Amino acid sequence: MAWAGQLLGGYGGLGTTYLCDPEQVLEALKKLRVSEEDEPLLKFTIATLENPQRRDLE
């Protein structure tokens, strides 16, 4: 889950507790507001966390 930690690391207000629990990471990602440019990456990241098998199909 290091990649999620790296993504969240850019947002100082989220804290490190989100790195421990995938459900908390997912909820934090859903609350983020990102630029239009970053929206596809955020959607992909959320979809991958919701369904880990999806990443093998992409």
N, C-alpha and C. Protein backbone atom coordinates (compact mmCIF):
# COMPACT_ATOMS: atom_id res chain seq x y z
N MET A 1 0.81 -1.18 0.00
CA MET A 1 0.00 0.00 0.00
C MET A 1 0.86 1.25 0.00
N ALA A 2 2.12 1.09 -0.27
CA ALA A 2 3.03 2.23 -0.26
C ALA A 2 2.61 3.28 -1.29
N TRP A 3 2.09 2.85 -2.44
CA TRP A 3 1.71 3.83 -3.46
C TRP A 3 0.58 4.72 -2.97
N ALA A 4 -0.35 4.17 -2.19
CA ALA A 4 -1.42 5.01 -1.64
C ALA A 4 -0.84 6.00 -0.64
N GLY A 5 0.14 5.54 0.13
CA GLY A 5 0.80 6.42 1.08
C GLY A 5 1.52 7.55 0.39
N GLN A 6 2.13 7.25 -0.75
CA GLN A 6 2.81 8.29 -1.51
C GLN A 6 1.80 9.29 -2.04
N LEU A 7 0.67 8.80 -2.52
CA LEU A 7 -0.37 9.69 -3.04
C LEU A 7 -0.89 10.58 -1.92
N LEU A 8 -1.20 9.99 -0.79
CA LEU A 8 -1.73 10.75 0.33
C LEU A 8 -0.68 11.65 0.96
N GLY A 9 0.59 11.29 0.79
CA GLY A 9 1.67 12.07 1.38
C GLY A 9 1.69 13.51 0.90
N GLY A 10 1.12 13.78 -0.27
CA GLY A 10 1.08 15.13 -0.79
C GLY A 10 0.02 16.00 -0.14
N TYR A 11 -0.81 15.40 0.70
CA TYR A 11 -1.90 16.12 1.34
C TYR A 11 -1.70 16.07 2.84
N GLY A 12 -1.06 17.08 3.40
CA GLY A 12 -0.67 17.09 4.80
C GLY A 12 -1.80 16.97 5.79
N GLY A 13 -3.00 17.35 5.44
CA GLY A 13 -4.11 17.32 6.38
C GLY A 13 -4.66 15.94 6.67
N LEU A 14 -4.26 14.92 5.91
CA LEU A 14 -4.86 13.61 6.09
C LEU A 14 -4.23 12.80 7.21
N GLY A 15 -2.99 13.07 7.54
CA GLY A 15 -2.35 12.34 8.64
C GLY A 15 -1.88 10.95 8.24
N THR A 16 -1.12 10.33 9.12
CA THR A 16 -0.53 9.03 8.82
C THR A 16 -1.42 7.86 9.20
N THR A 17 -2.46 8.06 9.98
CA THR A 17 -3.32 6.94 10.37
C THR A 17 -3.99 6.31 9.17
N TYR A 18 -4.17 7.05 8.09
CA TYR A 18 -4.80 6.50 6.89
C TYR A 18 -3.92 5.47 6.19
N LEU A 19 -2.64 5.44 6.51
CA LEU A 19 -1.75 4.49 5.87
C LEU A 19 -1.94 3.08 6.41
N CYS A 20 -2.61 2.93 7.53
CA CYS A 20 -2.74 1.64 8.19
C CYS A 20 -3.96 0.86 7.73
N ASP A 21 -5.02 1.50 7.40
CA ASP A 21 -6.29 0.84 7.12
C ASP A 21 -6.75 1.17 5.69
N PRO A 22 -6.80 0.17 4.81
CA PRO A 22 -7.21 0.43 3.42
C PRO A 22 -8.58 1.09 3.31
N GLU A 23 -9.51 0.77 4.20
CA GLU A 23 -10.82 1.40 4.14
C GLU A 23 -10.73 2.89 4.43
N GLN A 24 -9.85 3.27 5.36
CA GLN A 24 -9.67 4.69 5.66
C GLN A 24 -8.99 5.40 4.49
N VAL A 25 -8.06 4.72 3.84
CA VAL A 25 -7.39 5.30 2.67
C VAL A 25 -8.43 5.55 1.59
N LEU A 26 -9.29 4.56 1.36
CA LEU A 26 -10.33 4.70 0.34
C LEU A 26 -11.26 5.87 0.65
N GLU A 27 -11.70 5.97 1.88
CA GLU A 27 -12.59 7.07 2.27
C GLU A 27 -11.90 8.43 2.11
N ALA A 28 -10.62 8.50 2.47
CA ALA A 28 -9.87 9.75 2.32
C ALA A 28 -9.76 10.15 0.85
N LEU A 29 -9.49 9.16 -0.01
CA LEU A 29 -9.37 9.45 -1.43
C LEU A 29 -10.69 9.96 -2.01
N LYS A 30 -11.80 9.39 -1.56
CA LYS A 30 -13.10 9.82 -2.06
C LYS A 30 -13.43 11.25 -1.67
N LYS A 31 -12.84 11.74 -0.60
CA LYS A 31 -13.10 13.11 -0.12
C LYS A 31 -12.18 14.15 -0.77
N LEU A 32 -11.14 13.70 -1.45
CA LEU A 32 -10.18 14.63 -2.05
C LEU A 32 -10.79 15.42 -3.20
N ARG A 33 -10.35 16.62 -3.33
CA ARG A 33 -10.68 17.46 -4.48
C ARG A 33 -9.38 17.63 -5.26
N VAL A 34 -9.41 17.23 -6.52
CA VAL A 34 -8.20 17.31 -7.34
C VAL A 34 -8.51 18.09 -8.62
N SER A 35 -7.45 18.43 -9.32
CA SER A 35 -7.61 19.15 -10.58
C SER A 35 -8.24 18.22 -11.62
N GLU A 36 -8.77 18.80 -12.67
CA GLU A 36 -9.32 18.01 -13.78
C GLU A 36 -8.28 17.07 -14.34
N GLU A 37 -7.05 17.55 -14.39
CA GLU A 37 -5.95 16.75 -14.93
C GLU A 37 -5.71 15.49 -14.09
N ASP A 38 -5.85 15.60 -12.77
CA ASP A 38 -5.59 14.47 -11.88
C ASP A 38 -6.81 13.59 -11.64
N GLU A 39 -7.97 14.02 -12.08
CA GLU A 39 -9.21 13.28 -11.83
C GLU A 39 -9.17 11.83 -12.35
N PRO A 40 -8.68 11.57 -13.58
CA PRO A 40 -8.64 10.18 -14.04
C PRO A 40 -7.77 9.27 -13.16
N LEU A 41 -6.64 9.79 -12.70
CA LEU A 41 -5.77 9.00 -11.83
C LEU A 41 -6.46 8.71 -10.50
N LEU A 42 -7.13 9.70 -9.95
CA LEU A 42 -7.85 9.50 -8.69
C LEU A 42 -8.95 8.46 -8.86
N LYS A 43 -9.71 8.56 -9.94
CA LYS A 43 -10.78 7.59 -10.19
C LYS A 43 -10.22 6.18 -10.35
N PHE A 44 -9.11 6.06 -11.07
CA PHE A 44 -8.48 4.75 -11.25
C PHE A 44 -8.00 4.19 -9.91
N THR A 45 -7.40 5.03 -9.09
CA THR A 45 -6.89 4.60 -7.79
C THR A 45 -8.04 4.13 -6.90
N ILE A 46 -9.12 4.87 -6.87
CA ILE A 46 -10.29 4.48 -6.07
C ILE A 46 -10.86 3.16 -6.58
N ALA A 47 -11.01 3.03 -7.88
CA ALA A 47 -11.56 1.79 -8.46
C ALA A 47 -10.67 0.60 -8.14
N THR A 48 -9.35 0.80 -8.17
CA THR A 48 -8.42 -0.29 -7.87
C THR A 48 -8.51 -0.70 -6.40
N LEU A 49 -8.66 0.26 -5.51
CA LEU A 49 -8.81 -0.07 -4.10
C LEU A 49 -10.14 -0.78 -3.83
N GLU A 50 -11.17 -0.38 -4.54
CA GLU A 50 -12.48 -1.01 -4.35
C GLU A 50 -12.51 -2.43 -4.91
N ASN A 51 -11.72 -2.68 -5.96
CA ASN A 51 -11.69 -4.00 -6.58
C ASN A 51 -10.25 -4.31 -7.00
N PRO A 52 -9.44 -4.88 -6.10
CA PRO A 52 -8.02 -5.12 -6.39
C PRO A 52 -7.78 -6.00 -7.62
N GLN A 53 -8.72 -6.87 -7.99
CA GLN A 53 -8.54 -7.71 -9.17
C GLN A 53 -8.55 -6.88 -10.45
N ARG A 54 -9.16 -5.71 -10.39
CA ARG A 54 -9.26 -4.83 -11.56
C ARG A 54 -7.87 -4.46 -12.09
N ARG A 55 -6.91 -4.25 -11.20
CA ARG A 55 -5.59 -3.80 -11.65
C ARG A 55 -4.92 -4.83 -12.54
N ASP A 56 -5.30 -6.12 -12.38
CA ASP A 56 -4.73 -7.17 -13.22
C ASP A 56 -5.34 -7.17 -14.61
N LEU A 57 -6.50 -6.55 -14.76
CA LEU A 57 -7.20 -6.52 -16.04
C LEU A 57 -6.84 -5.31 -16.87
N GLU A 58 -6.29 -4.29 -16.26
CA GLU A 58 -5.98 -3.05 -16.95
C GLU A 58 -4.73 -3.20 -17.78
